[in-house]
Amino acid sequence: EYMGYIVAEMSRVAYFYDPEIGIYQYTPLHPMRPHRVKITDTLIHHYNLNDKMTLIDNIKASAVDVDLTQFHTDDYVDFLKNVNTDNQQYFTDQMLRFNMGEDCPIFDGLYDYCVLSARGSIIGANWLNQGLADVCINWAGGLHHAKKSEASGFCYTNDIVLGILELLKQFERVLYIDIDIHHGDGVEEAFYTSNRVMTFSLHKYGDYFPGTGDLKDTGIGRGKYYAVNVPLKEGMDDESYFMIFKPVLDGIMENYKPSVVVFQCGADSISGDRLGCFNLSVKGHGACLDYMKKFRVPLLVVGGGGYTLRNVARAWVYETGIILGQEILNDIPENDYIEYFCPEYKIHMPTSNMENNNTKEQLDHIRDDILDNLKHVIPVSPYATAEGTNLPPHLGLDVSAVKQAAEDQNPDARLCLLYTSDAADEGLGVDLGGRRISQTK
């Protein structure tokens, strides 16, 4: 045992993949390429990893309803259903209202793409709820920036929040871990006043999209200390990253004792990413997931950012191997996309010689602050799980605390909007603060 958790291999792994993911394209020059998931799946098959997992195909997935309005507003979902490239000129007001534009363009099949991404995370959560698997994988998910009623940072709907809401029907406490280079703001915001969901995000901070995720942002009301932010500078390398990831995760597991974990594996934190500025290797990125496995907690693994396609596929096939306890060969086998990996044709590539601007003293300070905060965390939630209901129970919204925070904090304060009947009854909107960050993701 380790900290009360049984350390063992997770033998039952389920894998969601819909081949339709490869047909969607934002715009020809847009950095987000859903095709990267198809390339990842191709490598998974050529490494024969698919033989060691249960494939959740469309037939199995269709048994679970995908209702985007479990988190997103009706009018926003209706807009996604109805808008297309031929009629978008008639939706000018809605496009502005819902933050559509260059980062989040209208493209053919947009709504179907949103449903596909969400389906994998919802069905994965459902399988964990039923005990059908120990780990569920949805590389098409991880779209962590989407808000309740707006698109953001290449993300239209938040499959992670939808998956967590599904998990809350069965599990008492959910831990969300985000190793994307960008702050997991959409997920944090959704549960910022909740003590049933803890969010743990490591990200570049300072003049960088989305501009949120300061060390002092720790939650509000009952959610105070249940948001954990690790703000980092450019050049983060494997040693420094794990030096802070491990003790913080140990502190979370010891104090919060989550019943289930959602792990977002955004690959834009890997060296050489088109939009990133960290210097992690594929092994260093995967080491975080490997360490999380040691706690033997049910696990939903999703994708996320990543804009150098060959590195995204390298990372996610390697991490599929980690989940399965299978060491894969460094030489990439012959496949339809082999030329993406030329001239080396390897999984593991050297990192760059960029400077690491994160000092040991800075990281020690961040770690110590977080560990002090975690001492305030109550391990067991006072709320029972929901049984036989479509919605999770009260997520811990303290309406008076939210109102007070709205009055007390500065205009840049990140206040959450919770998906609860209490919030609706009190007339709280979905965009407290309402700011938009103009930096490109």
Protein backbone atom coordinates (compact mmCIF):
# COMPACT_ATOMS: atom_id res chain seq x y z
CA GLU A 1 0.00 0.00 0.00
CA TYR A 2 1.00 3.64 -0.51
CA MET A 3 -0.78 6.30 1.58
CA GLY A 4 -3.63 3.85 2.01
CA TYR A 5 -3.94 3.24 -1.73
CA ILE A 6 -3.32 -0.24 -3.15
CA VAL A 7 -0.48 -0.12 -5.67
CA ALA A 8 -1.19 -2.51 -8.54
CA GLU A 9 -1.53 -2.70 -12.28
CA MET A 10 -4.88 -1.59 -13.66
CA SER A 11 -5.89 -4.53 -15.80
CA ARG A 12 -9.23 -3.40 -17.19
CA VAL A 13 -8.72 -0.59 -19.67
CA ALA A 14 -11.45 0.69 -22.00
CA TYR A 15 -10.66 2.81 -25.04
CA PHE A 16 -13.08 5.10 -26.86
CA TYR A 17 -12.38 5.92 -30.50
CA ASP A 18 -14.68 7.09 -33.26
CA PRO A 19 -13.07 7.03 -36.74
CA GLU A 20 -15.20 10.04 -37.71
CA ILE A 21 -12.85 12.25 -35.66
CA GLY A 22 -10.45 12.41 -38.59
CA ILE A 23 -12.89 14.14 -40.94
CA TYR A 24 -13.32 17.35 -38.95
CA GLN A 25 -11.26 20.43 -39.73
CA TYR A 26 -11.54 23.81 -38.02
CA THR A 27 -10.04 25.83 -40.90
CA PRO A 28 -7.16 24.89 -43.22
CA LEU A 29 -4.55 26.85 -41.25
CA HIS A 30 -5.99 26.43 -37.76
CA PRO A 31 -3.50 24.88 -35.29
CA MET A 32 -6.11 22.55 -33.75
CA ARG A 33 -6.20 19.41 -35.86
CA PRO A 34 -8.62 16.66 -34.75
CA HIS A 35 -6.79 14.43 -37.24
CA ARG A 36 -4.08 13.96 -34.58
CA VAL A 37 -6.44 11.57 -32.77
CA LYS A 38 -6.67 9.38 -35.88
CA ILE A 39 -2.87 9.30 -36.15
CA THR A 40 -2.67 8.31 -32.47
CA ASP A 41 -5.18 5.51 -33.03
CA THR A 42 -3.16 4.27 -36.00
CA LEU A 43 -0.05 4.00 -33.82
CA ILE A 44 -2.05 2.29 -31.07
CA HIS A 45 -3.08 -0.41 -33.56
CA HIS A 46 0.40 -0.81 -35.07
CA TYR A 47 1.86 -1.28 -31.59
CA ASN A 48 -0.94 -3.85 -30.98
CA LEU A 49 -2.07 -1.97 -27.88
CA ASN A 50 -5.69 -2.19 -29.02
CA ASP A 51 -5.61 -5.93 -28.36
CA LYS A 52 -5.07 -5.24 -24.66
CA MET A 53 -8.04 -2.88 -24.23
CA THR A 54 -11.80 -3.06 -24.54
CA LEU A 55 -12.84 -0.91 -27.49
CA ILE A 56 -15.87 1.26 -26.77
CA ASP A 57 -17.21 1.48 -30.30
CA ASN A 58 -20.18 3.48 -31.56
CA ILE A 59 -22.62 0.67 -30.77
CA LYS A 60 -21.56 0.49 -27.12
CA ALA A 61 -21.33 4.28 -26.86
CA SER A 62 -24.82 4.82 -28.25
CA ALA A 63 -26.23 3.24 -25.09
CA VAL A 64 -25.33 6.42 -23.19
CA ASP A 65 -27.17 9.65 -23.94
CA VAL A 66 -25.06 12.70 -24.73
CA ASP A 67 -26.91 15.71 -23.36
CA LEU A 68 -24.69 18.75 -23.67
CA THR A 69 -27.20 20.79 -21.65
CA GLN A 70 -26.22 18.89 -18.53
CA PHE A 71 -23.61 21.67 -18.33
CA HIS A 72 -24.07 24.05 -21.25
CA THR A 73 -27.02 26.40 -21.61
CA ASP A 74 -29.92 25.51 -23.91
CA ASP A 75 -29.46 28.56 -26.13
CA TYR A 76 -25.74 27.90 -26.60
CA VAL A 77 -26.34 24.25 -27.52
CA ASP A 78 -29.16 25.26 -29.90
CA PHE A 79 -26.77 27.69 -31.56
CA LEU A 80 -24.16 24.94 -32.05
CA LYS A 81 -26.84 22.70 -33.55
CA ASN A 82 -28.15 25.27 -36.01
CA VAL A 83 -25.18 27.33 -37.17
CA ASN A 84 -23.07 26.23 -40.16
CA THR A 85 -20.70 27.69 -42.72
CA ASP A 86 -23.56 28.54 -45.08
CA ASN A 87 -25.77 30.45 -42.64
CA GLN A 88 -23.34 31.92 -40.09
CA GLN A 89 -23.90 35.43 -41.48
CA TYR A 90 -27.38 35.29 -39.95
CA PHE A 91 -25.95 34.51 -36.48
CA THR A 92 -23.73 37.58 -36.06
CA ASP A 93 -25.08 38.55 -32.63
CA GLN A 94 -24.93 35.00 -31.30
CA MET A 95 -21.40 34.49 -32.60
CA LEU A 96 -20.26 37.53 -30.66
CA ARG A 97 -22.21 36.48 -27.58
CA PHE A 98 -20.83 32.93 -27.64
CA ASN A 99 -17.24 34.02 -28.38
CA MET A 100 -17.00 32.45 -31.83
CA GLY A 101 -14.34 33.75 -34.19
CA GLU A 102 -10.78 33.12 -35.29
CA ASP A 103 -9.88 30.84 -32.36
CA CYS A 104 -13.24 29.09 -32.40
CA PRO A 105 -14.52 29.23 -35.98
CA ILE A 106 -17.67 27.75 -37.45
CA PHE A 107 -16.86 24.66 -39.51
CA ASP A 108 -18.77 21.86 -41.19
CA GLY A 109 -19.98 19.27 -38.68
CA LEU A 110 -19.26 21.45 -35.63
CA TYR A 111 -22.12 20.10 -33.50
CA ASP A 112 -21.38 16.47 -34.38
CA TYR A 113 -17.74 17.05 -33.47
CA CYS A 114 -18.78 18.45 -30.07
CA VAL A 115 -21.01 15.43 -29.42
CA LEU A 116 -18.26 13.00 -30.48
CA SER A 117 -15.71 14.56 -28.13
CA ALA A 118 -18.18 14.67 -25.24
CA ARG A 119 -19.47 11.14 -25.85
CA GLY A 120 -16.07 9.57 -25.16
CA SER A 121 -15.71 11.29 -21.80
CA ILE A 122 -19.33 10.69 -20.74
CA ILE A 123 -19.28 7.01 -21.73
CA GLY A 124 -15.88 6.61 -20.04
CA ALA A 125 -17.29 8.10 -16.84
CA ASN A 126 -20.36 5.90 -17.14
CA TRP A 127 -18.23 2.77 -17.45
CA LEU A 128 -16.24 3.77 -14.37
CA ASN A 129 -19.52 4.35 -12.53
CA GLN A 130 -20.66 0.83 -13.39
CA GLY A 131 -17.31 -0.73 -12.53
CA LEU A 132 -16.84 -1.98 -16.10
CA ALA A 133 -13.25 -0.70 -16.29
CA ASP A 134 -10.44 0.61 -14.11
CA VAL A 135 -9.27 3.14 -16.69
CA CYS A 136 -11.12 4.71 -19.63
CA ILE A 137 -9.32 6.61 -22.39
CA ASN A 138 -10.75 9.31 -24.68
CA TRP A 139 -7.95 11.00 -26.62
CA ALA A 140 -10.57 13.05 -28.50
CA GLY A 141 -11.53 14.75 -25.22
CA GLY A 142 -9.78 17.16 -22.90
CA LEU A 143 -11.32 20.39 -24.23
CA HIS A 144 -10.83 22.22 -20.96
CA HIS A 145 -11.43 25.88 -21.92
CA ALA A 146 -15.11 25.74 -22.94
CA LYS A 147 -17.46 27.60 -20.61
CA LYS A 148 -21.11 27.09 -19.76
CA SER A 149 -22.30 29.42 -22.50
CA GLU A 150 -19.30 30.25 -24.65
CA ALA A 151 -16.48 28.77 -26.67
CA SER A 152 -12.89 29.51 -25.73
CA GLY A 153 -9.38 28.50 -26.73
CA PHE A 154 -10.34 26.09 -29.56
CA CYS A 155 -12.91 24.43 -27.26
CA TYR A 156 -16.66 24.58 -27.89
CA THR A 157 -18.09 22.14 -25.34
CA ASN A 158 -16.42 20.94 -22.16
CA ASP A 159 -16.35 17.15 -22.28
CA ILE A 160 -14.38 17.12 -19.02
CA VAL A 161 -17.06 18.92 -17.01
CA LEU A 162 -19.71 16.68 -18.57
CA GLY A 163 -17.66 13.61 -17.64
CA ILE A 164 -17.17 14.85 -14.08
CA LEU A 165 -20.89 15.50 -13.68
CA GLU A 166 -21.48 11.91 -14.74
CA LEU A 167 -18.89 10.66 -12.23
CA LEU A 168 -20.52 12.64 -9.41
CA LYS A 169 -23.59 10.44 -9.75
CA GLN A 170 -21.55 7.57 -8.31
CA PHE A 171 -18.33 8.89 -6.77
CA GLU A 172 -18.10 11.17 -3.77
CA ARG A 173 -14.93 13.10 -4.63
CA VAL A 174 -13.39 13.74 -8.06
CA LEU A 175 -9.82 14.91 -8.64
CA TYR A 176 -9.10 16.65 -11.94
CA ILE A 177 -5.43 16.83 -13.04
CA ASP A 178 -4.36 18.99 -15.99
CA ILE A 179 -0.82 18.86 -17.47
CA ASP A 180 -1.66 20.90 -20.58
CA ILE A 181 0.52 24.01 -20.87
CA HIS A 182 -2.61 26.16 -20.66
CA HIS A 183 -4.57 26.62 -17.45
CA GLY A 184 -7.63 24.37 -17.18
CA ASP A 185 -9.86 27.38 -16.63
CA GLY A 186 -13.17 26.01 -17.89
CA VAL A 187 -13.08 23.03 -15.53
CA GLU A 188 -11.86 25.07 -12.58
CA GLU A 189 -14.57 27.68 -13.13
CA ALA A 190 -17.31 25.04 -13.27
CA PHE A 191 -16.41 23.69 -9.82
CA TYR A 192 -14.80 26.71 -8.15
CA THR A 193 -17.20 26.64 -5.18
CA SER A 194 -17.40 22.85 -4.89
CA ASN A 195 -15.74 20.61 -2.32
CA ARG A 196 -16.64 17.49 -4.32
CA VAL A 197 -14.27 18.32 -7.18
CA MET A 198 -10.64 19.32 -6.73
CA THR A 199 -8.84 20.80 -9.74
CA PHE A 200 -5.05 20.56 -10.03
CA SER A 201 -3.53 22.45 -12.99
CA LEU A 202 0.14 22.98 -13.87
CA HIS A 203 0.50 25.64 -16.57
CA LYS A 204 2.39 28.55 -18.05
CA TYR A 205 1.29 31.73 -16.30
CA GLY A 206 1.86 35.37 -17.14
CA ASP A 207 1.07 36.99 -20.51
CA TYR A 208 -0.22 33.68 -21.78
CA PHE A 209 -3.66 32.35 -22.64
CA PRO A 210 -6.05 32.19 -20.83
CA GLY A 211 -4.37 34.49 -18.30
CA THR A 212 -5.79 32.70 -15.25
CA GLY A 213 -4.53 30.17 -12.72
CA ASP A 214 -2.59 32.21 -10.19
CA LEU A 215 -1.22 30.47 -7.11
CA LYS A 216 -3.61 32.45 -4.93
CA ASP A 217 -6.68 31.26 -6.86
CA THR A 218 -7.78 28.47 -4.54
CA GLY A 219 -11.59 28.43 -4.67
CA ILE A 220 -14.50 30.19 -3.00
CA GLY A 221 -16.95 29.24 -0.26
CA ARG A 222 -17.06 25.49 0.31
CA GLY A 223 -14.63 25.19 -2.58
CA LYS A 224 -11.93 27.16 -0.76
CA TYR A 225 -8.61 25.24 -1.11
CA TYR A 226 -10.15 22.80 -3.61
CA ALA A 227 -8.59 24.57 -6.61
CA VAL A 228 -4.85 23.93 -6.86
CA ASN A 229 -2.88 26.04 -9.32
CA VAL A 230 0.80 25.68 -10.20
CA PRO A 231 1.80 28.79 -12.23
CA LEU A 232 5.02 28.19 -14.16
CA LYS A 233 7.40 30.04 -16.46
CA GLU A 234 8.70 29.00 -19.86
CA GLY A 235 11.38 26.35 -20.31
CA MET A 236 9.97 23.88 -17.76
CA ASP A 237 11.95 20.64 -18.00
CA ASP A 238 11.30 17.06 -16.84
CA GLU A 239 13.20 17.28 -13.56
CA SER A 240 11.65 20.56 -12.43
CA TYR A 241 8.15 19.51 -13.50
CA PHE A 242 8.17 16.24 -11.61
CA MET A 243 9.84 17.93 -8.64
CA ILE A 244 6.63 19.87 -8.06
CA PHE A 245 4.08 17.45 -9.52
CA LYS A 246 4.96 14.56 -7.19
CA PRO A 247 4.81 16.28 -3.76
CA VAL A 248 1.67 18.22 -4.67
CA LEU A 249 -0.09 15.08 -5.90
CA ASP A 250 1.05 13.23 -2.76
CA GLY A 251 -0.44 16.02 -0.66
CA ILE A 252 -3.71 15.92 -2.58
CA MET A 253 -4.03 12.15 -2.34
CA GLU A 254 -3.23 12.19 1.38
CA ASN A 255 -5.58 15.03 2.28
CA TYR A 256 -8.38 14.91 -0.29
CA LYS A 257 -8.51 11.15 -0.91
CA PRO A 258 -10.35 11.29 -4.26
CA SER A 259 -12.67 8.45 -5.23
CA VAL A 260 -11.89 8.84 -8.93
CA VAL A 261 -9.46 10.88 -11.07
CA VAL A 262 -9.83 12.64 -14.42
CA PHE A 263 -6.41 13.17 -16.04
CA GLN A 264 -6.03 15.67 -18.90
CA CYS A 265 -2.90 14.90 -20.95
CA GLY A 266 -2.56 18.04 -23.09
CA ALA A 267 0.58 17.49 -25.18
CA ASP A 268 1.36 21.16 -25.82
CA SER A 269 3.59 21.09 -22.72
CA ILE A 270 6.02 18.87 -24.66
CA SER A 271 9.18 20.37 -26.16
CA GLY A 272 8.79 21.67 -29.70
CA ASP A 273 5.06 22.31 -29.60
CA ARG A 274 3.87 24.80 -32.18
CA LEU A 275 2.18 26.98 -29.53
CA GLY A 276 3.91 25.84 -26.34
CA CYS A 277 7.02 27.04 -24.49
CA PHE A 278 7.78 24.18 -22.10
CA ASN A 279 10.59 21.70 -22.61
CA LEU A 280 9.18 18.37 -21.42
CA SER A 281 10.14 15.12 -23.11
CA VAL A 282 7.55 12.48 -23.99
CA LYS A 283 8.93 10.42 -21.08
CA GLY A 284 8.72 13.36 -18.69
CA HIS A 285 5.14 14.07 -19.71
CA GLY A 286 4.19 10.42 -19.32
CA ALA A 287 5.93 10.14 -15.94
CA CYS A 288 3.12 12.17 -14.37
CA LEU A 289 0.45 9.74 -15.58
CA ASP A 290 2.62 6.81 -14.58
CA TYR A 291 2.92 8.19 -11.05
CA MET A 292 -0.82 8.76 -10.80
CA LYS A 293 -1.37 5.08 -11.68
CA LYS A 294 0.38 4.01 -8.49
CA PHE A 295 -2.61 5.08 -6.43
CA ARG A 296 -4.92 2.53 -8.07
CA VAL A 297 -7.88 4.91 -8.26
CA PRO A 298 -10.42 4.69 -11.11
CA LEU A 299 -9.12 6.88 -13.89
CA LEU A 300 -10.61 8.74 -16.86
CA VAL A 301 -7.81 9.83 -19.22
CA VAL A 302 -8.48 12.48 -21.88
CA GLY A 303 -6.44 14.36 -24.47
CA GLY A 304 -6.23 18.13 -24.68
CA GLY A 305 -3.92 20.61 -26.40
CA GLY A 306 -1.05 19.72 -28.67
CA TYR A 307 -0.29 21.40 -31.97
CA THR A 308 2.75 19.58 -33.34
CA LEU A 309 0.90 16.52 -34.61
CA ARG A 310 3.77 14.04 -34.57
CA ASN A 311 4.56 14.85 -30.93
CA VAL A 312 0.92 14.54 -29.88
CA ALA A 313 0.73 11.04 -31.37
CA ARG A 314 4.09 10.11 -29.83
CA ALA A 315 2.94 11.20 -26.37
CA TRP A 316 -0.50 9.64 -26.42
CA VAL A 317 0.56 6.24 -27.78
CA TYR A 318 3.37 6.17 -25.21
CA GLU A 319 0.90 7.06 -22.45
CA THR A 320 -1.53 4.40 -23.68
CA GLY A 321 1.34 1.98 -23.15
CA ILE A 322 1.90 3.36 -19.65
CA ILE A 323 -1.75 2.81 -18.76
CA LEU A 324 -1.53 -0.78 -20.02
CA GLY A 325 1.82 -1.45 -18.35
CA GLN A 326 3.29 -2.10 -21.80
CA GLU A 327 6.69 -0.71 -22.79
CA ILE A 328 6.56 0.16 -26.48
CA LEU A 329 9.51 0.12 -28.87
CA ASN A 330 11.18 3.44 -29.61
CA ASP A 331 11.22 2.63 -33.32
CA ILE A 332 7.86 3.57 -34.80
CA PRO A 333 6.41 0.68 -36.84
CA GLU A 334 5.49 1.11 -40.49
CA ASN A 335 2.05 2.74 -40.81
CA ASP A 336 0.02 5.06 -43.03
CA TYR A 337 1.45 8.13 -41.28
CA ILE A 338 5.08 7.04 -40.98
CA GLU A 339 6.33 10.07 -42.91
CA TYR A 340 5.00 12.36 -40.18
CA PHE A 341 7.83 11.05 -38.03
CA CYS A 342 10.72 11.40 -40.45
CA PRO A 343 13.65 11.48 -40.44
CA GLU A 344 14.07 9.82 -37.02
CA TYR A 345 10.97 7.57 -36.92
CA LYS A 346 11.27 7.42 -33.12
CA ILE A 347 8.86 7.89 -30.21
CA HIS A 348 11.40 9.62 -27.98
CA MET A 349 13.09 12.76 -29.25
CA PRO A 350 15.65 15.03 -27.57
CA THR A 351 14.39 18.20 -25.95
CA SER A 352 15.71 21.64 -26.88
CA ASN A 353 18.44 23.64 -25.19
CA MET A 354 16.05 26.41 -24.12
CA GLU A 355 16.62 27.99 -20.72
CA ASN A 356 14.46 26.89 -17.81
CA ASN A 357 13.21 30.10 -16.20
CA ASN A 358 11.76 28.25 -13.20
CA THR A 359 14.20 28.33 -10.30
CA LYS A 360 14.27 25.75 -7.51
CA GLU A 361 13.48 28.50 -5.00
CA GLN A 362 10.38 29.55 -6.92
CA LEU A 363 9.15 25.99 -7.25
CA ASP A 364 9.82 25.30 -3.57
CA HIS A 365 7.75 28.36 -2.66
CA ILE A 366 4.85 27.24 -4.86
CA ARG A 367 5.00 23.72 -3.45
CA ASP A 368 5.10 24.87 0.17
CA ASP A 369 2.17 27.27 -0.32
CA ILE A 370 0.06 24.55 -1.89
CA LEU A 371 0.91 21.98 0.76
CA ASP A 372 -0.04 24.49 3.47
CA ASN A 373 -3.37 25.08 1.75
CA LEU A 374 -4.03 21.35 1.48
CA LYS A 375 -3.91 21.07 5.26
CA HIS A 376 -7.31 22.82 5.25
CA VAL A 377 -8.89 20.24 2.96
CA ILE A 378 -11.46 17.92 4.51
CA PRO A 379 -10.84 14.37 3.25
CA VAL A 380 -14.47 13.21 3.28
CA SER A 381 -17.24 15.20 1.61
CA PRO A 382 -20.32 15.70 3.79
CA TYR A 383 -22.55 15.12 0.76
CA ALA A 384 -23.86 11.74 -0.25
CA THR A 385 -23.71 10.59 -3.86
CA ALA A 386 -26.73 10.82 -6.09
CA GLU A 387 -28.47 7.57 -6.84
CA GLY A 388 -30.97 7.13 -9.61
CA THR A 389 -31.01 10.80 -10.56
CA ASN A 390 -30.08 12.57 -13.76
CA LEU A 391 -28.15 15.29 -11.99
CA PRO A 392 -25.47 15.22 -9.30
CA PRO A 393 -26.39 16.43 -5.83
CA HIS A 394 -25.66 19.94 -4.62
CA LEU A 395 -22.04 20.62 -5.54
CA GLY A 396 -21.24 22.72 -2.53
CA LEU A 397 -22.31 26.15 -3.78
CA ASP A 398 -22.29 28.72 -1.02
CA VAL A 399 -24.38 31.47 -2.63
CA SER A 400 -23.59 34.06 0.00
CA ALA A 401 -19.87 33.42 -0.41
CA VAL A 402 -20.10 33.84 -4.16
CA LYS A 403 -22.03 37.09 -3.80
CA GLN A 404 -19.57 38.40 -1.23
CA ALA A 405 -16.63 37.45 -3.41
CA ALA A 406 -18.23 39.23 -6.36
CA GLU A 407 -18.43 42.38 -4.23
CA ASP A 408 -15.02 42.10 -2.59
CA GLN A 409 -12.68 40.89 -5.28
CA ASN A 410 -11.08 42.91 -8.06
CA PRO A 411 -12.50 42.91 -11.61
CA ASP A 412 -10.05 40.21 -12.70
CA ALA A 413 -11.18 37.80 -10.02
CA ARG A 414 -12.16 34.38 -11.34
CA LEU A 415 -15.54 33.60 -9.89
CA CYS A 416 -17.20 30.35 -10.69
CA LEU A 417 -20.59 29.63 -11.91
CA LEU A 418 -21.94 26.41 -10.73
CA TYR A 419 -24.35 24.11 -12.38
CA THR A 420 -26.77 23.89 -9.49
CA SER A 421 -30.38 24.67 -8.82
CA ASP A 422 -29.28 27.04 -6.06
CA ALA A 423 -27.40 29.16 -8.57
CA ALA A 424 -30.40 29.29 -10.86
CA ASP A 425 -32.74 30.14 -7.99
CA GLU A 426 -30.49 32.99 -6.92
CA GLY A 427 -30.32 34.33 -10.47
CA LEU A 428 -26.56 33.98 -10.70
CA GLY A 429 -25.29 34.26 -14.28
CA VAL A 430 -22.76 32.06 -15.99
CA ASP A 431 -20.06 34.60 -16.49
CA LEU A 432 -19.20 36.38 -13.25
CA GLY A 433 -16.44 38.80 -14.11
CA GLY A 434 -17.12 38.28 -17.79
CA ARG A 435 -13.68 39.16 -19.09
CA ARG A 436 -12.15 37.83 -22.27
CA ILE A 437 -8.47 37.25 -22.80
CA SER A 438 -7.27 38.40 -26.21
CA GLN A 439 -4.00 36.45 -26.30
CA THR A 440 -4.03 33.70 -28.90
CA LYS A 441 -3.83 30.19 -27.49
